[in-house]
PDB file of all heavy atoms in Angstrom:
ATOM      1  N   LEU A   1      -5.348 103.031 -71.082  1.00  0.00           N
ATOM      2  CA  LEU A   1      -5.977 103.969 -70.180  1.00  0.00           C
ATOM      3  C   LEU A   1      -5.547 105.424 -70.411  1.00  0.00           C
ATOM      4  O   LEU A   1      -6.280 106.341 -70.120  1.00  0.00           O
ATOM      5  CB  LEU A   1      -5.681 103.578 -68.695  1.00  0.00           C
ATOM      6  CG  LEU A   1      -6.163 102.192 -68.312  1.00  0.00           C
ATOM      7  CD1 LEU A   1      -5.682 101.881 -66.885  1.00  0.00           C
ATOM      8  CD2 LEU A   1      -7.681 102.098 -68.377  1.00  0.00           C
ATOM      9  N   GLY A   2      -4.305 105.572 -70.905  1.00  0.00           N
ATOM     10  CA  GLY A   2      -3.800 106.925 -71.102  1.00  0.00           C
ATOM     11  C   GLY A   2      -2.308 106.916 -71.291  1.00  0.00           C
ATOM     12  O   GLY A   2      -1.643 105.846 -71.408  1.00  0.00           O
ATOM     13  N   LYS A   3      -1.727 108.112 -71.295  1.00  0.00           N
ATOM     14  CA  LYS A   3      -0.289 108.263 -71.447  1.00  0.00           C
ATOM     15  C   LYS A   3       0.230 109.177 -70.372  1.00  0.00           C
ATOM     16  O   LYS A   3      -0.336 110.237 -70.097  1.00  0.00           O
ATOM     17  CB  LYS A   3       0.028 108.827 -72.853  1.00  0.00           C
ATOM     18  CG  LYS A   3       1.453 108.778 -73.263  1.00  0.00           C
ATOM     19  CD  LYS A   3       1.664 109.234 -74.680  1.00  0.00           C
ATOM     20  CE  LYS A   3       3.132 109.092 -75.096  1.00  0.00           C
ATOM     21  NZ  LYS A   3       3.316 109.557 -76.523  1.00  0.00           N
ATOM     22  N   ARG A   4       1.313 108.730 -69.689  1.00  0.00           N
ATOM     23  CA  ARG A   4       1.930 109.539 -68.668  1.00  0.00           C
ATOM     24  C   ARG A   4       3.394 109.731 -68.981  1.00  0.00           C
ATOM     25  O   ARG A   4       4.152 108.752 -69.067  1.00  0.00           O
ATOM     26  CB  ARG A   4       1.770 108.803 -67.316  1.00  0.00           C
ATOM     27  CG  ARG A   4       2.314 109.641 -66.140  1.00  0.00           C
ATOM     28  CD  ARG A   4       1.846 109.117 -64.804  1.00  0.00           C
ATOM     29  NE  ARG A   4       2.163 107.713 -64.617  1.00  0.00           N
ATOM     30  CZ  ARG A   4       1.610 106.908 -63.729  1.00  0.00           C
ATOM     31  NH1 ARG A   4       0.672 107.386 -62.943  1.00  0.00           N
ATOM     32  NH2 ARG A   4       1.959 105.647 -63.632  1.00  0.00           N
ATOM     33  N   GLN A   5       3.761 110.999 -69.189  1.00  0.00           N
ATOM     34  CA  GLN A   5       5.125 111.344 -69.643  1.00  0.00           C
ATOM     35  C   GLN A   5       5.410 110.569 -70.932  1.00  0.00           C
ATOM     36  O   GLN A   5       4.751 110.774 -71.932  1.00  0.00           O
ATOM     37  CB  GLN A   5       6.093 111.046 -68.519  1.00  0.00           C
ATOM     38  CG  GLN A   5       5.896 111.941 -67.295  1.00  0.00           C
ATOM     39  CD  GLN A   5       6.862 111.629 -66.162  1.00  0.00           C
ATOM     40  OE1 GLN A   5       7.573 110.671 -66.185  1.00  0.00           O
ATOM     41  NE2 GLN A   5       6.875 112.534 -65.159  1.00  0.00           N
ATOM     42  N   ASN A   6       6.381 109.652 -70.891  1.00  0.00           N
ATOM     43  CA  ASN A   6       6.702 108.933 -72.144  1.00  0.00           C
ATOM     44  C   ASN A   6       6.297 107.457 -72.021  1.00  0.00           C
ATOM     45  O   ASN A   6       6.867 106.584 -72.742  1.00  0.00           O
ATOM     46  CB  ASN A   6       8.215 109.039 -72.428  1.00  0.00           C
ATOM     47  CG  ASN A   6       9.047 108.335 -71.312  1.00  0.00           C
ATOM     48  OD1 ASN A   6       8.590 108.244 -70.221  1.00  0.00           O
ATOM     49  ND2 ASN A   6      10.262 107.919 -71.692  1.00  0.00           N
ATOM     50  N   ARG A   7       5.319 107.123 -71.190  1.00  0.00           N
ATOM     51  CA  ARG A   7       4.893 105.761 -71.031  1.00  0.00           C
ATOM     52  C   ARG A   7       3.397 105.652 -71.300  1.00  0.00           C
ATOM     53  O   ARG A   7       2.609 106.530 -70.972  1.00  0.00           O
ATOM     54  CB  ARG A   7       5.254 105.240 -69.662  1.00  0.00           C
ATOM     55  CG  ARG A   7       6.726 105.045 -69.437  1.00  0.00           C
ATOM     56  CD  ARG A   7       6.998 104.455 -68.040  1.00  0.00           C
ATOM     57  NE  ARG A   7       8.427 104.158 -67.938  1.00  0.00           N
ATOM     58  CZ  ARG A   7       9.026 102.995 -68.309  1.00  0.00           C
ATOM     59  NH1 ARG A   7       8.261 102.077 -68.853  1.00  0.00           N
ATOM     60  NH2 ARG A   7      10.299 102.799 -68.172  1.00  0.00           N
ATOM     61  N   LEU A   8       3.014 104.486 -71.841  1.00  0.00           N
ATOM     62  CA  LEU A   8       1.606 104.157 -72.132  1.00  0.00           C
ATOM     63  C   LEU A   8       1.048 103.352 -70.952  1.00  0.00           C
ATOM     64  O   LEU A   8       1.637 102.326 -70.571  1.00  0.00           O
ATOM     65  CB  LEU A   8       1.507 103.368 -73.432  1.00  0.00           C
ATOM     66  CG  LEU A   8       0.214 103.445 -74.219  1.00  0.00           C
ATOM     67  CD1 LEU A   8      -0.025 104.826 -74.720  1.00  0.00           C
ATOM     68  CD2 LEU A   8       0.285 102.458 -75.407  1.00  0.00           C
ATOM     69  N   ILE A   9      -0.032 103.795 -70.360  1.00  0.00           N
ATOM     70  CA  ILE A   9      -0.648 103.088 -69.228  1.00  0.00           C
ATOM     71  C   ILE A   9      -1.642 102.107 -69.817  1.00  0.00           C
ATOM     72  O   ILE A   9      -2.630 102.517 -70.450  1.00  0.00           O
ATOM     73  CB  ILE A   9      -1.297 104.060 -68.289  1.00  0.00           C
ATOM     74  CG1 ILE A   9      -0.387 105.198 -67.906  1.00  0.00           C
ATOM     75  CG2 ILE A   9      -1.762 103.308 -67.004  1.00  0.00           C
ATOM     76  CD1 ILE A   9       0.919 104.801 -67.280  1.00  0.00           C
ATOM     77  N   VAL A  10      -1.411 100.818 -69.576  1.00  0.00           N
ATOM     78  CA  VAL A  10      -2.249  99.789 -70.195  1.00  0.00           C
ATOM     79  C   VAL A  10      -2.735  98.805 -69.119  1.00  0.00           C
ATOM     80  O   VAL A  10      -1.935  98.331 -68.271  1.00  0.00           O
ATOM     81  CB  VAL A  10      -1.436  98.985 -71.265  1.00  0.00           C
ATOM     82  CG1 VAL A  10      -2.328  97.918 -71.898  1.00  0.00           C
ATOM     83  CG2 VAL A  10      -0.900  99.931 -72.318  1.00  0.00           C
ATOM     84  N   ALA A  11      -4.029  98.516 -69.090  1.00  0.00           N
ATOM     85  CA  ALA A  11      -4.613  97.549 -68.178  1.00  0.00           C
ATOM     86  C   ALA A  11      -4.738  96.201 -68.835  1.00  0.00           C
ATOM     87  O   ALA A  11      -5.163  96.127 -70.009  1.00  0.00           O
ATOM     88  CB  ALA A  11      -5.940  98.006 -67.672  1.00  0.00           C
ATOM     89  N   SER A  12      -4.382  95.153 -68.106  1.00  0.00           N
ATOM     90  CA  SER A  12      -4.453  93.794 -68.664  1.00  0.00           C
ATOM     91  C   SER A  12      -4.669  92.822 -67.532  1.00  0.00           C
ATOM     92  O   SER A  12      -4.330  93.094 -66.364  1.00  0.00           O
ATOM     93  CB  SER A  12      -3.194  93.441 -69.416  1.00  0.00           C
ATOM     94  OG  SER A  12      -3.180  92.065 -69.807  1.00  0.00           O
ATOM     95  N   ALA A  13      -5.289  91.684 -67.807  1.00  0.00           N
ATOM     96  CA  ALA A  13      -5.418  90.640 -66.815  1.00  0.00           C
ATOM     97  C   ALA A  13      -4.156  89.831 -66.683  1.00  0.00           C
ATOM     98  O   ALA A  13      -3.979  89.096 -65.693  1.00  0.00           O
ATOM     99  CB  ALA A  13      -6.586  89.723 -67.194  1.00  0.00           C
ATOM    100  N   ASP A  14      -3.250  89.961 -67.641  1.00  0.00           N
ATOM    101  CA  ASP A  14      -1.984  89.193 -67.614  1.00  0.00           C
ATOM    102  C   ASP A  14      -0.804  90.147 -67.983  1.00  0.00           C
ATOM    103  O   ASP A  14      -0.345  90.174 -69.101  1.00  0.00           O
ATOM    104  CB  ASP A  14      -2.027  88.012 -68.580  1.00  0.00           C
ATOM    105  CG  ASP A  14      -0.752  87.194 -68.561  1.00  0.00           C
ATOM    106  OD1 ASP A  14       0.048  87.370 -67.626  1.00  0.00           O
ATOM    107  OD2 ASP A  14      -0.544  86.392 -69.481  1.00  0.00           O
ATOM    108  N   PRO A  15      -0.340  90.921 -66.987  1.00  0.00           N
ATOM    109  CA  PRO A  15       0.790  91.849 -67.262  1.00  0.00           C
ATOM    110  C   PRO A  15       2.100  91.179 -67.409  1.00  0.00           C
ATOM    111  O   PRO A  15       3.133  91.828 -67.672  1.00  0.00           O
ATOM    112  CB  PRO A  15       0.736  92.791 -66.079  1.00  0.00           C
ATOM    113  CG  PRO A  15       0.183  91.974 -65.004  1.00  0.00           C
ATOM    114  CD  PRO A  15      -0.797  91.048 -65.624  1.00  0.00           C
ATOM    115  N   THR A  16       2.147  89.848 -67.253  1.00  0.00           N
ATOM    116  CA  THR A  16       3.436  89.085 -67.373  1.00  0.00           C
ATOM    117  C   THR A  16       3.767  88.788 -68.838  1.00  0.00           C
ATOM    118  O   THR A  16       4.796  88.251 -69.129  1.00  0.00           O
ATOM    119  CB  THR A  16       3.308  87.752 -66.602  1.00  0.00           C
ATOM    120  OG1 THR A  16       2.366  86.906 -67.203  1.00  0.00           O
ATOM    121  CG2 THR A  16       2.926  88.036 -65.159  1.00  0.00           C
ATOM    122  N   ASN A  17       2.790  89.072 -69.749  1.00  0.00           N
ATOM    123  CA  ASN A  17       3.016  88.669 -71.175  1.00  0.00           C
ATOM    124  C   ASN A  17       3.949  89.712 -71.836  1.00  0.00           C
ATOM    125  O   ASN A  17       3.500  90.780 -72.289  1.00  0.00           O
ATOM    126  CB  ASN A  17       1.632  88.647 -71.867  1.00  0.00           C
ATOM    127  CG  ASN A  17       1.718  87.958 -73.191  1.00  0.00           C
ATOM    128  OD1 ASN A  17       2.742  88.010 -73.874  1.00  0.00           O
ATOM    129  ND2 ASN A  17       0.638  87.288 -73.540  1.00  0.00           N
ATOM    130  N   ARG A  18       5.219  89.401 -71.861  1.00  0.00           N
ATOM    131  CA  ARG A  18       6.206  90.279 -72.458  1.00  0.00           C
ATOM    132  C   ARG A  18       6.050  90.412 -73.938  1.00  0.00           C
ATOM    133  O   ARG A  18       6.350  91.477 -74.530  1.00  0.00           O
ATOM    134  CB  ARG A  18       7.608  89.718 -72.185  1.00  0.00           C
ATOM    135  CG  ARG A  18       7.964  89.771 -70.685  1.00  0.00           C
ATOM    136  CD  ARG A  18       9.391  89.296 -70.489  1.00  0.00           C
ATOM    137  NE  ARG A  18       9.772  89.337 -69.071  1.00  0.00           N
ATOM    138  CZ  ARG A  18      10.985  88.990 -68.626  1.00  0.00           C
ATOM    139  NH1 ARG A  18      11.920  88.597 -69.462  1.00  0.00           N
ATOM    140  NH2 ARG A  18      11.254  89.093 -67.340  1.00  0.00           N
ATOM    141  N   ASP A  19       5.496  89.378 -74.620  1.00  0.00           N
ATOM    142  CA  ASP A  19       5.304  89.416 -76.036  1.00  0.00           C
ATOM    143  C   ASP A  19       4.325  90.559 -76.415  1.00  0.00           C
ATOM    144  O   ASP A  19       4.541  91.341 -77.316  1.00  0.00           O
ATOM    145  CB  ASP A  19       4.781  88.067 -76.557  1.00  0.00           C
ATOM    146  CG  ASP A  19       4.682  88.094 -78.083  1.00  0.00           C
ATOM    147  OD1 ASP A  19       5.559  88.561 -78.772  1.00  0.00           O
ATOM    148  OD2 ASP A  19       3.638  87.567 -78.560  1.00  0.00           O
ATOM    149  N   VAL A  20       3.229  90.637 -75.635  1.00  0.00           N
ATOM    150  CA  VAL A  20       2.234  91.688 -75.885  1.00  0.00           C
ATOM    151  C   VAL A  20       2.844  93.043 -75.592  1.00  0.00           C
ATOM    152  O   VAL A  20       2.612  94.039 -76.386  1.00  0.00           O
ATOM    153  CB  VAL A  20       0.975  91.442 -75.037  1.00  0.00           C
ATOM    154  CG1 VAL A  20       0.057  92.690 -75.024  1.00  0.00           C
ATOM    155  CG2 VAL A  20       0.204  90.244 -75.555  1.00  0.00           C
ATOM    156  N   ALA A  21       3.603  93.176 -74.546  1.00  0.00           N
ATOM    157  CA  ALA A  21       4.246  94.420 -74.230  1.00  0.00           C
ATOM    158  C   ALA A  21       5.136  94.955 -75.309  1.00  0.00           C
ATOM    159  O   ALA A  21       5.174  96.123 -75.682  1.00  0.00           O
ATOM    160  CB  ALA A  21       4.992  94.336 -72.912  1.00  0.00           C
ATOM    161  N   GLU A  22       5.880  94.007 -75.935  1.00  0.00           N
ATOM    162  CA  GLU A  22       6.817  94.388 -77.016  1.00  0.00           C
ATOM    163  C   GLU A  22       6.029  94.789 -78.252  1.00  0.00           C
ATOM    164  O   GLU A  22       6.419  95.712 -78.972  1.00  0.00           O
ATOM    165  CB  GLU A  22       7.736  93.200 -77.321  1.00  0.00           C
ATOM    166  CG  GLU A  22       8.781  92.928 -76.266  1.00  0.00           C
ATOM    167  CD  GLU A  22       9.688  94.149 -76.025  1.00  0.00           C
ATOM    168  OE1 GLU A  22      10.051  94.795 -76.999  1.00  0.00           O
ATOM    169  OE2 GLU A  22       9.986  94.436 -74.842  1.00  0.00           O
ATOM    170  N   LYS A  23       4.921  94.074 -78.529  1.00  0.00           N
ATOM    171  CA  LYS A  23       4.109  94.422 -79.692  1.00  0.00           C
ATOM    172  C   LYS A  23       3.473  95.824 -79.553  1.00  0.00           C
ATOM    173  O   LYS A  23       3.418  96.627 -80.520  1.00  0.00           O
ATOM    174  CB  LYS A  23       3.013  93.365 -79.895  1.00  0.00           C
ATOM    175  CG  LYS A  23       3.557  92.028 -80.394  1.00  0.00           C
ATOM    176  CD  LYS A  23       2.429  91.028 -80.603  1.00  0.00           C
ATOM    177  CE  LYS A  23       3.000  89.698 -81.167  1.00  0.00           C
ATOM    178  NZ  LYS A  23       1.928  88.683 -81.291  1.00  0.00           N
ATOM    179  N   ILE A  24       2.974  96.115 -78.343  1.00  0.00           N
ATOM    180  CA  ILE A  24       2.371  97.443 -78.097  1.00  0.00           C
ATOM    181  C   ILE A  24       3.436  98.511 -78.224  1.00  0.00           C
ATOM    182  O   ILE A  24       3.202  99.597 -78.812  1.00  0.00           O
ATOM    183  CB  ILE A  24       1.703  97.476 -76.764  1.00  0.00           C
ATOM    184  CG1 ILE A  24       0.480  96.526 -76.731  1.00  0.00           C
ATOM    185  CG2 ILE A  24       1.210  98.902 -76.400  1.00  0.00           C
ATOM    186  CD1 ILE A  24      -0.230  96.453 -75.396  1.00  0.00           C
ATOM    187  N   LYS A  25       4.617  98.215 -77.664  1.00  0.00           N
ATOM    188  CA  LYS A  25       5.709  99.183 -77.761  1.00  0.00           C
ATOM    189  C   LYS A  25       6.112  99.478 -79.199  1.00  0.00           C
ATOM    190  O   LYS A  25       6.361 100.602 -79.588  1.00  0.00           O
ATOM    191  CB  LYS A  25       6.908  98.690 -76.940  1.00  0.00           C
ATOM    192  CG  LYS A  25       8.107  99.661 -76.961  1.00  0.00           C
ATOM    193  CD  LYS A  25       9.256  99.043 -76.147  1.00  0.00           C
ATOM    194  CE  LYS A  25      10.465 100.014 -76.195  1.00  0.00           C
ATOM    195  NZ  LYS A  25      11.617  99.447 -75.420  1.00  0.00           N
ATOM    196  N   PHE A  26       6.139  98.358 -80.010  1.00  0.00           N
ATOM    197  CA  PHE A  26       6.488  98.550 -81.393  1.00  0.00           C
ATOM    198  C   PHE A  26       5.418  99.355 -82.160  1.00  0.00           C
ATOM    199  O   PHE A  26       5.734 100.168 -82.972  1.00  0.00           O
ATOM    200  CB  PHE A  26       6.649  97.144 -82.071  1.00  0.00           C
ATOM    201  CG  PHE A  26       6.910  97.205 -83.515  1.00  0.00           C
ATOM    202  CD1 PHE A  26       8.188  97.429 -83.992  1.00  0.00           C
ATOM    203  CD2 PHE A  26       5.913  96.988 -84.441  1.00  0.00           C
ATOM    204  CE1 PHE A  26       8.452  97.499 -85.354  1.00  0.00           C
ATOM    205  CE2 PHE A  26       6.152  97.078 -85.817  1.00  0.00           C
ATOM    206  CZ  PHE A  26       7.430  97.301 -86.281  1.00  0.00           C
ATOM    207  N   ALA A  27       4.130  99.083 -81.839  1.00  0.00           N
ATOM    208  CA  ALA A  27       3.038  99.771 -82.555  1.00  0.00           C
ATOM    209  C   ALA A  27       2.954 101.239 -82.207  1.00  0.00           C
ATOM    210  O   ALA A  27       2.589 102.101 -83.037  1.00  0.00           O
ATOM    211  CB  ALA A  27       1.729  99.087 -82.273  1.00  0.00           C
ATOM    212  N   THR A  28       3.334 101.563 -80.952  1.00  0.00           N
ATOM    213  CA  THR A  28       3.135 102.946 -80.479  1.00  0.00           C
ATOM    214  C   THR A  28       4.435 103.696 -80.303  1.00  0.00           C
ATOM    215  O   THR A  28       4.451 104.922 -80.103  1.00  0.00           O
ATOM    216  CB  THR A  28       2.399 102.949 -79.134  1.00  0.00           C
ATOM    217  OG1 THR A  28       3.206 102.248 -78.157  1.00  0.00           O
ATOM    218  CG2 THR A  28       1.042 102.305 -79.246  1.00  0.00           C
ATOM    219  N   GLN A  29       5.568 102.938 -80.399  1.00  0.00           N
ATOM    220  CA  GLN A  29       6.896 103.533 -80.190  1.00  0.00           C
ATOM    221  C   GLN A  29       6.982 104.156 -78.755  1.00  0.00           C
ATOM    222  O   GLN A  29       7.628 105.157 -78.544  1.00  0.00           O
ATOM    223  CB  GLN A  29       7.247 104.583 -81.244  1.00  0.00           C
ATOM    224  CG  GLN A  29       7.355 104.012 -82.650  1.00  0.00           C
ATOM    225  CD  GLN A  29       8.481 102.974 -82.755  1.00  0.00           C
ATOM    226  OE1 GLN A  29       9.620 103.252 -82.479  1.00  0.00           O
ATOM    227  NE2 GLN A  29       8.119 101.769 -83.176  1.00  0.00           N
ATOM    228  N   THR A  30       6.236 103.533 -77.823  1.00  0.00           N
ATOM    229  CA  THR A  30       6.139 104.025 -76.451  1.00  0.00           C
ATOM    230  C   THR A  30       6.268 102.839 -75.519  1.00  0.00           C
ATOM    231  O   THR A  30       5.562 101.845 -75.687  1.00  0.00           O
ATOM    232  CB  THR A  30       4.853 104.748 -76.206  1.00  0.00           C
ATOM    233  OG1 THR A  30       4.696 105.743 -77.196  1.00  0.00           O
ATOM    234  CG2 THR A  30       4.823 105.417 -74.854  1.00  0.00           C
ATOM    235  N   PRO A  31       7.094 102.890 -74.457  1.00  0.00           N
ATOM    236  CA  PRO A  31       7.166 101.832 -73.439  1.00  0.00           C
ATOM    237  C   PRO A  31       5.828 101.662 -72.746  1.00  0.00           C
ATOM    238  O   PRO A  31       5.059 102.629 -72.598  1.00  0.00           O
ATOM    239  CB  PRO A  31       8.286 102.267 -72.492  1.00  0.00           C
ATOM    240  CG  PRO A  31       9.063 103.287 -73.277  1.00  0.00           C
ATOM    241  CD  PRO A  31       8.077 103.951 -74.200  1.00  0.00           C
ATOM    242  N   VAL A  32       5.577 100.457 -72.241  1.00  0.00           N
ATOM    243  CA  VAL A  32       4.292 100.150 -71.608  1.00  0.00           C
ATOM    244  C   VAL A  32       4.482 100.100 -70.088  1.00  0.00           C
ATOM    245  O   VAL A  32       5.428  99.483 -69.557  1.00  0.00           O
ATOM    246  CB  VAL A  32       3.747  98.784 -72.126  1.00  0.00           C
ATOM    247  CG1 VAL A  32       2.479  98.399 -71.285  1.00  0.00           C
ATOM    248  CG2 VAL A  32       3.410  98.889 -73.548  1.00  0.00           C
ATOM    249  N   GLU A  33       3.556 100.729 -69.378  1.00  0.00           N
ATOM    250  CA  GLU A  33       3.466 100.616 -67.940  1.00  0.00           C
ATOM    251  C   GLU A  33       2.138  99.895 -67.608  1.00  0.00           C
ATOM    252  O   GLU A  33       1.095 100.384 -67.914  1.00  0.00           O
ATOM    253  CB  GLU A  33       3.527 102.007 -67.269  1.00  0.00           C
ATOM    254  CG  GLU A  33       3.481 101.941 -65.779  1.00  0.00           C
ATOM    255  CD  GLU A  33       3.680 103.288 -65.145  1.00  0.00           C
ATOM    256  OE1 GLU A  33       4.450 104.136 -65.670  1.00  0.00           O
ATOM    257  OE2 GLU A  33       3.013 103.582 -64.085  1.00  0.00           O
ATOM    258  N   TRP A  34       2.271  98.707 -66.947  1.00  0.00           N
ATOM    259  CA  TRP A  34       1.128  97.874 -66.729  1.00  0.00           C
ATOM    260  C   TRP A  34       0.268  98.266 -65.529  1.00  0.00           C
ATOM    261  O   TRP A  34       0.786  98.734 -64.526  1.00  0.00           O
ATOM    262  CB  TRP A  34       1.541  96.384 -66.592  1.00  0.00           C
ATOM    263  CG  TRP A  34       2.014  95.726 -67.868  1.00  0.00           C
ATOM    264  CD1 TRP A  34       3.283  95.314 -68.118  1.00  0.00           C
ATOM    265  CD2 TRP A  34       1.241  95.384 -68.974  1.00  0.00           C
ATOM    266  NE1 TRP A  34       3.345  94.725 -69.350  1.00  0.00           N
ATOM    267  CE2 TRP A  34       2.081  94.752 -69.927  1.00  0.00           C
ATOM    268  CE3 TRP A  34      -0.105  95.575 -69.360  1.00  0.00           C
ATOM    269  CZ2 TRP A  34       1.678  94.319 -71.149  1.00  0.00           C
ATOM    270  CZ3 TRP A  34      -0.558  95.122 -70.591  1.00  0.00           C
ATOM    271  CH2 TRP A  34       0.336  94.487 -71.467  1.00  0.00           C
ATOM    272  N   VAL A  35      -1.021  98.061 -65.658  1.00  0.00           N
ATOM    273  CA  VAL A  35      -1.979  98.043 -64.547  1.00  0.00           C
ATOM    274  C   VAL A  35      -2.732  96.722 -64.681  1.00  0.00           C
ATOM    275  O   VAL A  35      -3.125  96.351 -65.735  1.00  0.00           O
ATOM    276  CB  VAL A  35      -2.909  99.225 -64.648  1.00  0.00           C
ATOM    277  CG1 VAL A  35      -4.014  99.105 -63.602  1.00  0.00           C
ATOM    278  CG2 VAL A  35      -2.211 100.526 -64.503  1.00  0.00           C
ATOM    279  N   VAL A  36      -2.886  96.010 -63.565  1.00  0.00           N
ATOM    280  CA  VAL A  36      -3.551  94.747 -63.579  1.00  0.00           C
ATOM    281  C   VAL A  36      -5.006  94.876 -63.207  1.00  0.00           C
ATOM    282  O   VAL A  36      -5.355  95.679 -62.380  1.00  0.00           O
ATOM    283  CB  VAL A  36      -2.825  93.681 -62.702  1.00  0.00           C
ATOM    284  CG1 VAL A  36      -2.998  94.098 -61.188  1.00  0.00           C
ATOM    285  CG2 VAL A  36      -3.417  92.285 -62.904  1.00  0.00           C
ATOM    286  N   ALA A  37      -5.859  94.141 -63.938  1.00  0.00           N
ATOM    287  CA  ALA A  37      -7.330  94.210 -63.690  1.00  0.00           C
ATOM    288  C   ALA A  37      -7.918  92.814 -63.828  1.00  0.00           C
ATOM    289  O   ALA A  37      -7.276  91.897 -64.367  1.00  0.00           O
ATOM    290  CB  ALA A  37      -7.993  95.179 -64.688  1.00  0.00           C
ATOM    291  N   ALA A  38      -9.106  92.640 -63.291  1.00  0.00           N
ATOM    292  CA  ALA A  38      -9.802  91.364 -63.338  1.00  0.00           C
ATOM    293  C   ALA A  38     -10.060  90.941 -64.762  1.00  0.00           C
ATOM    294  O   ALA A  38     -10.475  91.768 -65.612  1.00  0.00           O
ATOM    295  CB  ALA A  38     -11.104  91.392 -62.548  1.00  0.00           C
ATOM    296  N   HIS A  39      -9.889  89.660 -65.049  1.00  0.00           N
ATOM    297  CA  HIS A  39     -10.018  89.108 -66.392  1.00  0.00           C
ATOM    298  C   HIS A  39     -11.378  89.411 -67.007  1.00  0.00           C
ATOM    299  O   HIS A  39     -11.465  89.919 -68.157  1.00  0.00           O
ATOM    300  CB  HIS A  39      -9.821  87.580 -66.322  1.00  0.00           C
ATOM    301  CG  HIS A  39      -9.979  86.865 -67.612  1.00  0.00           C
ATOM    302  ND1 HIS A  39     -11.191  86.338 -68.034  1.00  0.00           N
ATOM    303  CD2 HIS A  39      -9.104  86.534 -68.559  1.00  0.00           C
ATOM    304  CE1 HIS A  39     -11.049  85.756 -69.170  1.00  0.00           C
ATOM    305  NE2 HIS A  39      -9.775  85.845 -69.563  1.00  0.00           N
ATOM    306  N   GLU A  40     -12.461  89.146 -66.260  1.00  0.00           N
ATOM    307  CA  GLU A  40     -13.816  89.376 -66.824  1.00  0.00           C
ATOM    308  C   GLU A  40     -14.106  90.843 -67.043  1.00  0.00           C
ATOM    309  O   GLU A  40     -14.843  91.207 -67.978  1.00  0.00           O
ATOM    310  CB  GLU A  40     -14.876  88.773 -65.922  1.00  0.00           C
ATOM    311  CG  GLU A  40     -14.954  89.320 -64.525  1.00  0.00           C
ATOM    312  CD  GLU A  40     -13.984  88.645 -63.531  1.00  0.00           C
ATOM    313  OE1 GLU A  40     -13.118  87.884 -63.999  1.00  0.00           O
ATOM    314  OE2 GLU A  40     -14.101  88.858 -62.323  1.00  0.00           O
ATOM    315  N   LYS A  41     -13.494  91.740 -66.232  1.00  0.00           N
ATOM    316  CA  LYS A  41     -13.761  93.165 -66.404  1.00  0.00           C
ATOM    317  C   LYS A  41     -12.978  93.717 -67.604  1.00  0.00           C
ATOM    318  O   LYS A  41     -13.459  94.618 -68.305  1.00  0.00           O
ATOM    319  CB  LYS A  41     -13.408  93.933 -65.119  1.00  0.00           C
ATOM    320  CG  LYS A  41     -14.364  93.521 -63.962  1.00  0.00           C
ATOM    321  CD  LYS A  41     -14.120  94.337 -62.702  1.00  0.00           C
ATOM    322  CE  LYS A  41     -15.109  93.929 -61.636  1.00  0.00           C
ATOM    323  NZ  LYS A  41     -14.957  94.711 -60.405  1.00  0.00           N
TER     324      LYS A  41
END
């Protein structure tokens, strides 16, 4: 969704998935801040 200060704002239907959070952090070199959204949306 965007970047706020030094964190990446990411929407996901499953924000509990630490593996995905680590992969995004590795790809962007930026910590992830989750926002939860409906699966189908």
